[in-house]
């Protein structure tokens, strides 16, 4: 009988604990994915800015050298 009395009590607690764990894991995973995406975006933006500055500063010299 104790097992019959304990089983109705444990599922709600287990469900709440599982929901809390799932929500925490989802939040952490979303935060991790967002952090990785932000890092990728920042790296790509930095690379594009460096490429734009490099192209704007080096292309005239390259064009002159190629024209010469």
C-alpha atoms as a PDB file:
ATOM      1  CA  UNK A   1       0.000   0.000   0.000  1.00  0.00           C
ATOM      2  CA  UNK A   2       2.808   2.538   0.652  1.00  0.00           C
ATOM      3  CA  UNK A   3       3.919   2.146  -2.965  1.00  0.00           C
ATOM      4  CA  UNK A   4       0.355   2.888  -4.113  1.00  0.00           C
ATOM      5  CA  UNK A   5       0.314   5.953  -1.853  1.00  0.00           C
ATOM      6  CA  UNK A   6       3.753   7.117  -3.006  1.00  0.00           C
ATOM      7  CA  UNK A   7       3.180   6.719  -6.744  1.00  0.00           C
ATOM      8  CA  UNK A   8       0.471   9.419  -7.026  1.00  0.00           C
ATOM      9  CA  UNK A   9       2.704  11.848  -5.099  1.00  0.00           C
ATOM     10  CA  UNK A  10       5.947  11.279  -7.021  1.00  0.00           C
ATOM     11  CA  UNK A  11       4.811  11.835 -10.649  1.00  0.00           C
ATOM     12  CA  UNK A  12       3.826  15.514 -10.145  1.00  0.00           C
ATOM     13  CA  UNK A  13       7.104  16.182  -8.331  1.00  0.00           C
ATOM     14  CA  UNK A  14       9.056  14.307 -10.991  1.00  0.00           C
ATOM     15  CA  UNK A  15       7.149  16.156 -13.697  1.00  0.00           C
ATOM     16  CA  UNK A  16       7.907  19.517 -12.138  1.00  0.00           C
ATOM     17  CA  UNK A  17      11.558  18.586 -11.648  1.00  0.00           C
ATOM     18  CA  UNK A  18      11.786  17.322 -15.228  1.00  0.00           C
ATOM     19  CA  UNK A  19      10.076  20.462 -16.510  1.00  0.00           C
ATOM     20  CA  UNK A  20      12.497  22.620 -14.534  1.00  0.00           C
ATOM     21  CA  UNK A  21      15.481  20.640 -15.820  1.00  0.00           C
ATOM     22  CA  UNK A  22      14.208  20.756 -19.400  1.00  0.00           C
ATOM     23  CA  UNK A  23      13.516  24.481 -19.190  1.00  0.00           C
ATOM     24  CA  UNK A  24      16.952  25.110 -17.705  1.00  0.00           C
ATOM     25  CA  UNK A  25      18.647  22.977 -20.352  1.00  0.00           C
ATOM     26  CA  UNK A  26      16.688  24.682 -23.130  1.00  0.00           C
ATOM     27  CA  UNK A  27      17.545  28.115 -21.723  1.00  0.00           C
ATOM     28  CA  UNK A  28      21.222  27.192 -21.411  1.00  0.00           C
ATOM     29  CA  UNK A  29      21.299  25.707 -24.897  1.00  0.00           C
ATOM     30  CA  UNK A  30      19.587  28.769 -26.376  1.00  0.00           C
ATOM     31  CA  UNK A  31      22.011  31.037 -24.522  1.00  0.00           C
ATOM     32  CA  UNK A  32      24.947  28.948 -25.754  1.00  0.00           C
ATOM     33  CA  UNK A  33      23.647  28.977 -29.316  1.00  0.00           C
ATOM     34  CA  UNK A  34      23.013  32.720 -29.086  1.00  0.00           C
ATOM     35  CA  UNK A  35      26.540  33.261 -27.757  1.00  0.00           C
ATOM     36  CA  UNK A  36      28.056  31.179 -30.540  1.00  0.00           C
ATOM     37  CA  UNK A  37      25.944  33.001 -33.122  1.00  0.00           C
ATOM     38  CA  UNK A  38      26.992  36.369 -31.690  1.00  0.00           C
ATOM     39  CA  UNK A  39      30.646  35.309 -31.798  1.00  0.00           C
ATOM     40  CA  UNK A  40      30.268  34.160 -35.410  1.00  0.00           C
ATOM     41  CA  UNK A  41      28.495  37.392 -36.359  1.00  0.00           C
ATOM     42  CA  UNK A  42      31.140  39.496 -34.613  1.00  0.00           C
ATOM     43  CA  UNK A  43      33.948  37.554 -36.296  1.00  0.00           C
ATOM     44  CA  UNK A  44      32.311  37.854 -39.703  1.00  0.00           C
ATOM     45  CA  UNK A  45      31.681  41.575 -39.213  1.00  0.00           C
ATOM     46  CA  UNK A  46      35.284  42.086 -38.103  1.00  0.00           C
ATOM     47  CA  UNK A  47      36.531  40.081 -41.091  1.00  0.00           C
ATOM     48  CA  UNK A  48      34.311  42.082 -43.456  1.00  0.00           C
ATOM     49  CA  UNK A  49      35.473  45.378 -41.951  1.00  0.00           C
ATOM     50  CA  UNK A  50      39.114  44.305 -42.195  1.00  0.00           C
ATOM     51  CA  UNK A  51      38.555  43.092 -45.744  1.00  0.00           C
ATOM     52  CA  UNK A  52      36.819  46.352 -46.687  1.00  0.00           C
ATOM     53  CA  UNK A  53      39.600  48.464 -45.179  1.00  0.00           C
ATOM     54  CA  UNK A  54      42.259  46.213 -46.734  1.00  0.00           C
ATOM     55  CA  UNK A  55      40.564  46.330 -50.133  1.00  0.00           C
ATOM     56  CA  UNK A  56      40.131  50.109 -49.974  1.00  0.00           C
ATOM     57  CA  UNK A  57      43.749  50.634 -48.877  1.00  0.00           C
ATOM     58  CA  UNK A  58      45.480  47.985 -51.013  1.00  0.00           C
ATOM     59  CA  UNK A  59      43.466  47.898 -54.244  1.00  0.00           C
ATOM     60  CA  UNK A  60      44.773  51.243 -55.599  1.00  0.00           C
ATOM     61  CA  UNK A  61      48.361  50.039 -55.132  1.00  0.00           C
ATOM     62  CA  UNK A  62      47.552  46.703 -56.715  1.00  0.00           C
ATOM     63  CA  UNK A  63      45.773  48.377 -59.602  1.00  0.00           C
ATOM     64  CA  UNK A  64      48.689  50.756 -60.115  1.00  0.00           C
ATOM     65  CA  UNK A  65      51.169  47.881 -59.983  1.00  0.00           C
ATOM     66  CA  UNK A  66      49.045  45.896 -62.426  1.00  0.00           C
ATOM     67  CA  UNK A  67      48.615  48.955 -64.659  1.00  0.00           C
ATOM     68  CA  UNK A  68      52.333  49.549 -64.622  1.00  0.00           C
END
